[in-house]
Amino acid sequence: MIAVEFAKQTWRLRTYVGFSLAGLIPVVFAISFKANPPKGPGHEFFDLATGSGINLSITALTAVGSFLLIVVGSLFAGESISGEADWGTLRYLLVRPVNRHRLLGAKLLVAVVLAVAATAFVTVVGMLVGTAAFGWHPVVTPTGAVSQGSALGRMAVATLYVAWCQAAYVSFAFMLSTMTDRAFGAVAGGVGLGVVSQILNNIPALDSTSYVYPTHYLDAWHSLFLQSGQTQEMLRGLLVQVPYVVVFLAVGWWWFNRKDVTS
C-alpha cells in the first residue's frame, strides 16, 4: 500500500507545484543578489547571502521556512484523505481488505516524506545555484567563517530541523483532512495555524506565552553557524512540536475510524 501511495501522490499536479515553488525561491534569490548584492557586510544571514553557495542556501531556507514550507507541507497533508473524498474514491479504497489504520498510516507517511523532501529540495537547489553564482567558499557568518565540510553537515541538521518544525501544521492539516471532504479546507487550516502562530509570536504583549507557539523556535538552527553554538533553543523547538503532533494525530485517527465514509 505504501508503494502505491508514493506512486500516486508523487505524480500528482500539487506535488509538482509544491516542489516547483520550493525550488523557485533559491533561484530568485541567486538572480536578485547577483544583480543587486547587499550593501556592506551586515550582521544578518540575508546580508551575507553572497558569501558562498552555502550562504545562499542558508538564506533560502530561512526565507521559505517561515511561510512557503508551511503551505507546501499543509498541501501534502491536507489533500491526503480529503483529496480522495473530493474525487469520490475514498469509499472504494475502504472497500478493499485494508483497515483504516493502515490507510491513515500510509497516507501520513507519504505526506511526511514529501514535506521533508521539499525542505531538502530548497537546501540543495540553494546550494547549487548559490555555488554557480557566488562560488564554493567557506561560509561567512556574523561571528566568523565555517569551512565547507563542516557547513555541509550543519546544513543537513538544519534541514531536518526546519522539516520537523513543520510538524504541527502538517499534523493539523492531516487531522482536518480526515474530517472534511474538501481538500481546500484542510490545506487552508494548516496554513492558517501557521499564520496565526506567526502573528501571536510577534505580539509583544504575549511574549510570556510565545514559547508554546510552533513557530517560535523556527530560526533556532542559525545557532549551528555561530561561534556560540548554543543548541538549547533547537531542543526546545523540537519538543514544542510534540504535543501538537500527538493531539492532532490522535484526534484525526479517532475521528476517521468512527466516521461514515460516503464519498
C-alpha atoms as a PDB file:
ATOM      1  CA  MET A   1       0.000   0.000   0.000  1.00  0.00           C
ATOM      2  CA  ILE A   2       2.792   2.437   0.846  1.00  0.00           C
ATOM      3  CA  ALA A   3       4.454   1.939  -2.548  1.00  0.00           C
ATOM      4  CA  VAL A   4       1.130   2.538  -4.283  1.00  0.00           C
ATOM      5  CA  GLU A   5       0.551   5.704  -2.269  1.00  0.00           C
ATOM      6  CA  PHE A   6       4.025   7.006  -3.059  1.00  0.00           C
ATOM      7  CA  ALA A   7       3.485   6.451  -6.769  1.00  0.00           C
ATOM      8  CA  LYS A   8       0.041   8.039  -6.695  1.00  0.00           C
ATOM      9  CA  GLN A   9       0.921  11.072  -4.588  1.00  0.00           C
ATOM     10  CA  THR A  10       4.288  11.788  -6.207  1.00  0.00           C
ATOM     11  CA  TRP A  11       2.899  12.158  -9.703  1.00  0.00           C
ATOM     12  CA  ARG A  12       0.069  14.498  -8.806  1.00  0.00           C
ATOM     13  CA  LEU A  13      -0.015  18.110 -10.006  1.00  0.00           C
ATOM     14  CA  ARG A  14       0.069  19.538  -6.486  1.00  0.00           C
ATOM     15  CA  THR A  15       3.376  17.724  -5.870  1.00  0.00           C
ATOM     16  CA  TYR A  16       4.892  19.343  -8.947  1.00  0.00           C
ATOM     17  CA  VAL A  17       3.547  22.729  -7.867  1.00  0.00           C
ATOM     18  CA  GLY A  18       4.842  22.363  -4.306  1.00  0.00           C
ATOM     19  CA  PHE A  19       8.348  21.371  -5.349  1.00  0.00           C
ATOM     20  CA  SER A  20       8.444  23.999  -8.097  1.00  0.00           C
ATOM     21  CA  LEU A  21       7.599  26.744  -5.610  1.00  0.00           C
ATOM     22  CA  ALA A  22      10.163  25.430  -3.134  1.00  0.00           C
ATOM     23  CA  GLY A  23      12.906  25.371  -5.760  1.00  0.00           C
ATOM     24  CA  LEU A  24      11.975  28.706  -7.311  1.00  0.00           C
ATOM     25  CA  ILE A  25      12.830  30.816  -4.264  1.00  0.00           C
ATOM     26  CA  PRO A  26      16.576  29.973  -4.181  1.00  0.00           C
ATOM     27  CA  VAL A  27      16.806  30.676  -7.916  1.00  0.00           C
ATOM     28  CA  VAL A  28      15.101  34.057  -7.496  1.00  0.00           C
ATOM     29  CA  PHE A  29      17.389  34.866  -4.586  1.00  0.00           C
ATOM     30  CA  ALA A  30      20.514  33.971  -6.592  1.00  0.00           C
ATOM     31  CA  ILE A  31      19.458  36.159  -9.505  1.00  0.00           C
ATOM     32  CA  SER A  32      18.433  39.038  -7.246  1.00  0.00           C
ATOM     33  CA  PHE A  33      21.572  39.016  -5.114  1.00  0.00           C
ATOM     34  CA  LYS A  34      23.794  38.626  -8.170  1.00  0.00           C
ATOM     35  CA  ALA A  35      22.187  41.633  -9.827  1.00  0.00           C
ATOM     36  CA  ASN A  36      21.939  43.704  -6.647  1.00  0.00           C
ATOM     37  CA  PRO A  37      24.376  42.499  -3.918  1.00  0.00           C
ATOM     38  CA  PRO A  38      23.684  43.509  -0.312  1.00  0.00           C
ATOM     39  CA  LYS A  39      25.396  46.750   0.714  1.00  0.00           C
ATOM     40  CA  GLY A  40      28.039  46.285   3.383  1.00  0.00           C
ATOM     41  CA  PRO A  41      28.998  43.157   5.379  1.00  0.00           C
ATOM     42  CA  GLY A  42      25.923  43.274   7.638  1.00  0.00           C
ATOM     43  CA  HIS A  43      25.164  41.146  10.682  1.00  0.00           C
ATOM     44  CA  GLU A  44      22.294  39.004   9.380  1.00  0.00           C
ATOM     45  CA  PHE A  45      22.370  35.930   7.164  1.00  0.00           C
ATOM     46  CA  PHE A  46      20.476  37.798   4.451  1.00  0.00           C
ATOM     47  CA  ASP A  47      23.296  40.361   4.360  1.00  0.00           C
ATOM     48  CA  LEU A  48      25.806  37.535   3.877  1.00  0.00           C
ATOM     49  CA  ALA A  49      23.943  35.626   1.162  1.00  0.00           C
ATOM     50  CA  THR A  50      26.600  36.287  -1.483  1.00  0.00           C
ATOM     51  CA  GLY A  51      29.452  34.923   0.630  1.00  0.00           C
ATOM     52  CA  SER A  52      29.235  31.416  -0.803  1.00  0.00           C
ATOM     53  CA  GLY A  53      26.854  28.848  -2.232  1.00  0.00           C
ATOM     54  CA  ILE A  54      26.042  27.548   1.236  1.00  0.00           C
ATOM     55  CA  ASN A  55      25.356  31.092   2.415  1.00  0.00           C
ATOM     56  CA  LEU A  56      22.647  31.393  -0.214  1.00  0.00           C
ATOM     57  CA  SER A  57      21.230  28.052   0.892  1.00  0.00           C
ATOM     58  CA  ILE A  58      21.042  29.336   4.491  1.00  0.00           C
ATOM     59  CA  THR A  59      19.229  32.451   3.305  1.00  0.00           C
ATOM     60  CA  ALA A  60      16.760  30.496   1.167  1.00  0.00           C
ATOM     61  CA  LEU A  61      15.970  28.015   3.941  1.00  0.00           C
ATOM     62  CA  THR A  62      15.383  30.893   6.354  1.00  0.00           C
ATOM     63  CA  ALA A  63      13.029  32.622   3.932  1.00  0.00           C
ATOM     64  CA  VAL A  64      10.875  29.659   2.936  1.00  0.00           C
ATOM     65  CA  GLY A  65      10.685  28.110   6.407  1.00  0.00           C
ATOM     66  CA  SER A  66       8.508  30.879   7.803  1.00  0.00           C
ATOM     67  CA  PHE A  67       5.666  30.527   5.296  1.00  0.00           C
ATOM     68  CA  LEU A  68       6.178  28.716   1.988  1.00  0.00           C
ATOM     69  CA  LEU A  69       7.097  25.370   3.557  1.00  0.00           C
ATOM     70  CA  ILE A  70       4.038  25.690   5.786  1.00  0.00           C
ATOM     71  CA  VAL A  71       1.931  25.961   2.638  1.00  0.00           C
ATOM     72  CA  VAL A  72       3.698  23.070   0.913  1.00  0.00           C
ATOM     73  CA  GLY A  73       3.545  20.768   3.942  1.00  0.00           C
ATOM     74  CA  SER A  74      -0.123  21.594   4.530  1.00  0.00           C
ATOM     75  CA  LEU A  75      -0.802  20.935   0.856  1.00  0.00           C
ATOM     76  CA  PHE A  76       0.649  17.433   1.021  1.00  0.00           C
ATOM     77  CA  ALA A  77      -1.057  16.531   4.315  1.00  0.00           C
ATOM     78  CA  GLY A  78      -4.353  18.336   3.830  1.00  0.00           C
ATOM     79  CA  GLU A  79      -5.020  16.727   0.469  1.00  0.00           C
ATOM     80  CA  SER A  80      -4.107  13.209   1.557  1.00  0.00           C
ATOM     81  CA  ILE A  81      -7.514  11.935   2.792  1.00  0.00           C
ATOM     82  CA  SER A  82      -9.889  14.734   1.805  1.00  0.00           C
ATOM     83  CA  GLY A  83      -8.478  14.679  -1.717  1.00  0.00           C
ATOM     84  CA  GLU A  84      -9.663  11.091  -2.112  1.00  0.00           C
ATOM     85  CA  ALA A  85     -13.086  12.069  -0.780  1.00  0.00           C
ATOM     86  CA  ASP A  86     -13.177  15.053  -3.115  1.00  0.00           C
ATOM     87  CA  TRP A  87     -12.505  12.757  -6.069  1.00  0.00           C
ATOM     88  CA  GLY A  88     -15.068  10.251  -4.804  1.00  0.00           C
ATOM     89  CA  THR A  89     -12.521   7.435  -4.468  1.00  0.00           C
ATOM     90  CA  LEU A  90     -12.180   7.176  -0.668  1.00  0.00           C
ATOM     91  CA  ARG A  91     -15.029   4.732  -0.136  1.00  0.00           C
ATOM     92  CA  TYR A  92     -13.655   2.495  -2.889  1.00  0.00           C
ATOM     93  CA  LEU A  93     -10.293   2.404  -1.133  1.00  0.00           C
ATOM     94  CA  LEU A  94     -12.012   1.241   2.039  1.00  0.00           C
ATOM     95  CA  VAL A  95     -13.956  -1.459   0.199  1.00  0.00           C
ATOM     96  CA  ARG A  96     -10.689  -3.296  -0.311  1.00  0.00           C
ATOM     97  CA  PRO A  97      -9.463  -5.543   2.558  1.00  0.00           C
ATOM     98  CA  VAL A  98      -7.403  -2.716   4.066  1.00  0.00           C
ATOM     99  CA  ASN A  99      -8.210  -1.417   7.519  1.00  0.00           C
ATOM    100  CA  ARG A 100      -8.382   2.283   8.206  1.00  0.00           C
ATOM    101  CA  HIS A 101      -5.289   2.325  10.402  1.00  0.00           C
ATOM    102  CA  ARG A 102      -3.133   1.105   7.527  1.00  0.00           C
ATOM    103  CA  LEU A 103      -4.669   3.596   5.139  1.00  0.00           C
ATOM    104  CA  LEU A 104      -4.068   6.518   7.505  1.00  0.00           C
ATOM    105  CA  GLY A 105      -0.533   5.355   8.246  1.00  0.00           C
ATOM    106  CA  ALA A 106       0.360   5.093   4.567  1.00  0.00           C
ATOM    107  CA  LYS A 107      -1.182   8.478   3.746  1.00  0.00           C
ATOM    108  CA  LEU A 108       0.603  10.185   6.653  1.00  0.00           C
ATOM    109  CA  LEU A 109       3.959   8.601   5.840  1.00  0.00           C
ATOM    110  CA  VAL A 110       3.807   9.771   2.225  1.00  0.00           C
ATOM    111  CA  ALA A 111       2.801  13.304   3.265  1.00  0.00           C
ATOM    112  CA  VAL A 112       5.674  13.493   5.766  1.00  0.00           C
ATOM    113  CA  VAL A 113       8.252  12.178   3.292  1.00  0.00           C
ATOM    114  CA  LEU A 114       7.141  14.688   0.654  1.00  0.00           C
ATOM    115  CA  ALA A 115       7.275  17.545   3.158  1.00  0.00           C
ATOM    116  CA  VAL A 116      10.806  16.579   4.231  1.00  0.00           C
ATOM    117  CA  ALA A 117      11.859  16.152   0.605  1.00  0.00           C
ATOM    118  CA  ALA A 118      10.537  19.632  -0.249  1.00  0.00           C
ATOM    119  CA  THR A 119      12.614  21.115   2.571  1.00  0.00           C
ATOM    120  CA  ALA A 120      15.716  19.278   1.390  1.00  0.00           C
ATOM    121  CA  PHE A 121      14.984  20.445  -2.152  1.00  0.00           C
ATOM    122  CA  VAL A 122      15.249  24.064  -1.011  1.00  0.00           C
ATOM    123  CA  THR A 123      18.622  23.382   0.597  1.00  0.00           C
ATOM    124  CA  VAL A 124      20.048  21.522  -2.385  1.00  0.00           C
ATOM    125  CA  VAL A 125      18.797  23.958  -5.026  1.00  0.00           C
ATOM    126  CA  GLY A 126      20.009  26.884  -2.944  1.00  0.00           C
ATOM    127  CA  MET A 127      23.450  25.337  -2.665  1.00  0.00           C
ATOM    128  CA  LEU A 128      23.697  24.543  -6.370  1.00  0.00           C
ATOM    129  CA  VAL A 129      22.541  27.899  -7.724  1.00  0.00           C
ATOM    130  CA  GLY A 130      24.415  29.721  -4.962  1.00  0.00           C
ATOM    131  CA  THR A 131      27.658  27.973  -5.851  1.00  0.00           C
ATOM    132  CA  ALA A 132      27.123  28.744  -9.527  1.00  0.00           C
ATOM    133  CA  ALA A 133      26.529  32.404  -8.730  1.00  0.00           C
ATOM    134  CA  PHE A 134      28.914  33.060  -5.838  1.00  0.00           C
ATOM    135  CA  GLY A 135      31.411  30.198  -5.744  1.00  0.00           C
ATOM    136  CA  TRP A 136      32.304  27.421  -3.317  1.00  0.00           C
ATOM    137  CA  HIS A 137      33.897  29.242  -0.364  1.00  0.00           C
ATOM    138  CA  PRO A 138      33.911  28.909   3.423  1.00  0.00           C
ATOM    139  CA  VAL A 139      30.607  30.040   4.868  1.00  0.00           C
ATOM    140  CA  VAL A 140      30.582  33.625   6.132  1.00  0.00           C
ATOM    141  CA  THR A 141      28.618  34.055   9.361  1.00  0.00           C
ATOM    142  CA  PRO A 142      28.033  37.001  11.717  1.00  0.00           C
ATOM    143  CA  THR A 143      30.625  35.535  14.092  1.00  0.00           C
ATOM    144  CA  GLY A 144      33.273  34.189  11.705  1.00  0.00           C
ATOM    145  CA  ALA A 145      33.806  31.630   8.946  1.00  0.00           C
ATOM    146  CA  VAL A 146      32.851  27.948   8.763  1.00  0.00           C
ATOM    147  CA  SER A 147      34.602  25.513   6.451  1.00  0.00           C
ATOM    148  CA  GLN A 148      32.665  23.969   3.596  1.00  0.00           C
ATOM    149  CA  GLY A 149      32.871  20.438   5.005  1.00  0.00           C
ATOM    150  CA  SER A 150      31.633  21.451   8.430  1.00  0.00           C
ATOM    151  CA  ALA A 151      28.922  23.645   6.923  1.00  0.00           C
ATOM    152  CA  LEU A 152      27.545  20.760   4.859  1.00  0.00           C
ATOM    153  CA  GLY A 153      26.971  18.685   7.983  1.00  0.00           C
ATOM    154  CA  ARG A 154      25.359  21.621   9.742  1.00  0.00           C
ATOM    155  CA  MET A 155      23.099  22.293   6.767  1.00  0.00           C
ATOM    156  CA  ALA A 156      21.916  18.679   6.876  1.00  0.00           C
ATOM    157  CA  VAL A 157      20.989  19.087  10.548  1.00  0.00           C
ATOM    158  CA  ALA A 158      19.361  22.469   9.844  1.00  0.00           C
ATOM    159  CA  THR A 159      17.290  20.996   7.015  1.00  0.00           C
ATOM    160  CA  LEU A 160      15.968  18.195   9.209  1.00  0.00           C
ATOM    161  CA  TYR A 161      15.241  20.689  11.978  1.00  0.00           C
ATOM    162  CA  VAL A 162      13.256  23.003   9.679  1.00  0.00           C
ATOM    163  CA  ALA A 163      11.361  19.996   8.304  1.00  0.00           C
ATOM    164  CA  TRP A 164      10.432  18.885  11.837  1.00  0.00           C
ATOM    165  CA  CYS A 165       9.293  22.449  12.661  1.00  0.00           C
ATOM    166  CA  GLN A 166       6.518  21.971  10.093  1.00  0.00           C
ATOM    167  CA  ALA A 167       5.154  19.021  12.095  1.00  0.00           C
ATOM    168  CA  ALA A 168       2.393  20.950  13.866  1.00  0.00           C
ATOM    169  CA  TYR A 169       0.930  22.308  10.613  1.00  0.00           C
ATOM    170  CA  VAL A 170       1.275  19.008   8.774  1.00  0.00           C
ATOM    171  CA  SER A 171      -0.458  17.189  11.646  1.00  0.00           C
ATOM    172  CA  PHE A 172      -3.244  19.773  11.843  1.00  0.00           C
ATOM    173  CA  ALA A 173      -3.843  19.686   8.097  1.00  0.00           C
ATOM    174  CA  PHE A 174      -3.855  15.873   8.208  1.00  0.00           C
ATOM    175  CA  MET A 175      -6.375  15.911  11.068  1.00  0.00           C
ATOM    176  CA  LEU A 176      -8.659  18.259   9.130  1.00  0.00           C
ATOM    177  CA  SER A 177      -8.220  16.049   6.068  1.00  0.00           C
ATOM    178  CA  THR A 178      -9.898  13.201   7.960  1.00  0.00           C
ATOM    179  CA  MET A 179     -12.825  15.452   8.898  1.00  0.00           C
ATOM    180  CA  THR A 180     -13.747  17.141   5.622  1.00  0.00           C
ATOM    181  CA  ASP A 181     -14.442  16.100   2.065  1.00  0.00           C
ATOM    182  CA  ARG A 182     -12.894  19.284   0.671  1.00  0.00           C
ATOM    183  CA  ALA A 183      -9.119  19.368   0.390  1.00  0.00           C
ATOM    184  CA  PHE A 184      -9.026  23.169   0.267  1.00  0.00           C
ATOM    185  CA  GLY A 185     -10.422  23.445   3.789  1.00  0.00           C
ATOM    186  CA  ALA A 186      -7.826  21.073   5.243  1.00  0.00           C
ATOM    187  CA  VAL A 187      -4.939  22.804   3.456  1.00  0.00           C
ATOM    188  CA  ALA A 188      -6.199  26.241   4.480  1.00  0.00           C
ATOM    189  CA  GLY A 189      -6.460  25.061   8.077  1.00  0.00           C
ATOM    190  CA  GLY A 190      -2.804  24.030   8.204  1.00  0.00           C
ATOM    191  CA  VAL A 191      -1.698  27.295   6.619  1.00  0.00           C
ATOM    192  CA  GLY A 192      -3.999  29.236   8.946  1.00  0.00           C
ATOM    193  CA  LEU A 193      -2.430  27.638  12.021  1.00  0.00           C
ATOM    194  CA  GLY A 194       0.995  28.754  10.800  1.00  0.00           C
ATOM    195  CA  VAL A 195      -0.168  32.307  10.088  1.00  0.00           C
ATOM    196  CA  VAL A 196      -1.902  32.649  13.454  1.00  0.00           C
ATOM    197  CA  SER A 197       1.164  31.273  15.232  1.00  0.00           C
ATOM    198  CA  GLN A 198       3.398  33.805  13.456  1.00  0.00           C
ATOM    199  CA  ILE A 199       1.076  36.676  14.370  1.00  0.00           C
ATOM    200  CA  LEU A 200       0.775  35.700  18.027  1.00  0.00           C
ATOM    201  CA  ASN A 201       4.515  35.124  18.265  1.00  0.00           C
ATOM    202  CA  ASN A 202       5.154  38.712  17.164  1.00  0.00           C
ATOM    203  CA  ILE A 203       2.803  40.415  19.639  1.00  0.00           C
ATOM    204  CA  PRO A 204       4.954  41.865  22.445  1.00  0.00           C
ATOM    205  CA  ALA A 205       2.136  41.602  24.984  1.00  0.00           C
ATOM    206  CA  LEU A 206       2.154  37.814  24.514  1.00  0.00           C
ATOM    207  CA  ASP A 207       5.888  37.314  24.977  1.00  0.00           C
ATOM    208  CA  SER A 208       5.311  35.331  28.165  1.00  0.00           C
ATOM    209  CA  THR A 209       3.427  32.659  26.217  1.00  0.00           C
ATOM    210  CA  SER A 210       5.371  32.758  22.939  1.00  0.00           C
ATOM    211  CA  TYR A 211       7.380  29.652  23.806  1.00  0.00           C
ATOM    212  CA  VAL A 212       4.309  27.463  23.192  1.00  0.00           C
ATOM    213  CA  TYR A 213       3.788  28.625  19.593  1.00  0.00           C
ATOM    214  CA  PRO A 214       5.077  26.189  16.953  1.00  0.00           C
ATOM    215  CA  THR A 215       6.824  28.998  15.024  1.00  0.00           C
ATOM    216  CA  HIS A 216       8.673  30.484  17.997  1.00  0.00           C
ATOM    217  CA  TYR A 217      11.879  28.466  17.570  1.00  0.00           C
ATOM    218  CA  LEU A 218      11.777  28.246  13.789  1.00  0.00           C
ATOM    219  CA  ASP A 219      15.118  30.001  13.232  1.00  0.00           C
ATOM    220  CA  ALA A 220      16.908  28.477  16.215  1.00  0.00           C
ATOM    221  CA  TRP A 221      19.059  26.449  13.785  1.00  0.00           C
ATOM    222  CA  HIS A 222      21.034  29.615  12.976  1.00  0.00           C
ATOM    223  CA  SER A 223      22.996  28.885  16.147  1.00  0.00           C
ATOM    224  CA  LEU A 224      24.647  25.992  14.275  1.00  0.00           C
ATOM    225  CA  PHE A 225      26.593  28.590  12.265  1.00  0.00           C
ATOM    226  CA  LEU A 226      27.501  30.874  15.160  1.00  0.00           C
ATOM    227  CA  GLN A 227      30.570  30.529  17.350  1.00  0.00           C
ATOM    228  CA  SER A 228      28.435  30.206  20.478  1.00  0.00           C
ATOM    229  CA  GLY A 229      26.936  27.004  19.060  1.00  0.00           C
ATOM    230  CA  GLN A 230      24.126  27.034  21.618  1.00  0.00           C
ATOM    231  CA  THR A 231      21.561  24.365  20.794  1.00  0.00           C
ATOM    232  CA  GLN A 232      19.180  24.714  23.750  1.00  0.00           C
ATOM    233  CA  GLU A 233      16.738  26.696  21.640  1.00  0.00           C
ATOM    234  CA  MET A 234      16.811  23.982  18.997  1.00  0.00           C
ATOM    235  CA  LEU A 235      15.972  21.357  21.596  1.00  0.00           C
ATOM    236  CA  ARG A 236      13.012  23.434  22.734  1.00  0.00           C
ATOM    237  CA  GLY A 237      11.988  23.820  19.099  1.00  0.00           C
ATOM    238  CA  LEU A 238      11.979  20.041  18.704  1.00  0.00           C
ATOM    239  CA  LEU A 239       9.975  19.443  21.862  1.00  0.00           C
ATOM    240  CA  VAL A 240       7.348  22.157  21.329  1.00  0.00           C
ATOM    241  CA  GLN A 241       6.064  20.305  18.253  1.00  0.00           C
ATOM    242  CA  VAL A 242       5.404  17.062  20.131  1.00  0.00           C
ATOM    243  CA  PRO A 243       2.132  17.990  21.925  1.00  0.00           C
ATOM    244  CA  TYR A 244       0.663  19.377  18.708  1.00  0.00           C
ATOM    245  CA  VAL A 245       1.569  16.253  16.758  1.00  0.00           C
ATOM    246  CA  VAL A 246       0.238  13.857  19.396  1.00  0.00           C
ATOM    247  CA  VAL A 247      -3.073  15.680  19.897  1.00  0.00           C
ATOM    248  CA  PHE A 248      -3.809  16.419  16.228  1.00  0.00           C
ATOM    249  CA  LEU A 249      -2.954  12.923  15.001  1.00  0.00           C
ATOM    250  CA  ALA A 250      -4.824  11.251  17.858  1.00  0.00           C
ATOM    251  CA  VAL A 251      -7.959  13.275  17.102  1.00  0.00           C
ATOM    252  CA  GLY A 252      -7.620  12.603  13.387  1.00  0.00           C
ATOM    253  CA  TRP A 253      -7.218   8.868  13.940  1.00  0.00           C
ATOM    254  CA  TRP A 254     -10.185   8.741  16.330  1.00  0.00           C
ATOM    255  CA  TRP A 255     -12.404  10.781  14.041  1.00  0.00           C
ATOM    256  CA  PHE A 256     -11.654   8.849  10.857  1.00  0.00           C
ATOM    257  CA  ASN A 257     -12.113   5.450  12.463  1.00  0.00           C
ATOM    258  CA  ARG A 258     -15.604   6.327  13.681  1.00  0.00           C
ATOM    259  CA  LYS A 259     -16.927   8.311  10.711  1.00  0.00           C
ATOM    260  CA  ASP A 260     -19.153   7.030   7.950  1.00  0.00           C
ATOM    261  CA  VAL A 261     -17.409   7.405   4.604  1.00  0.00           C
ATOM    262  CA  THR A 262     -19.935   8.166   1.886  1.00  0.00           C
ATOM    263  CA  SER A 263     -17.732   9.801  -0.760  1.00  0.00           C
END
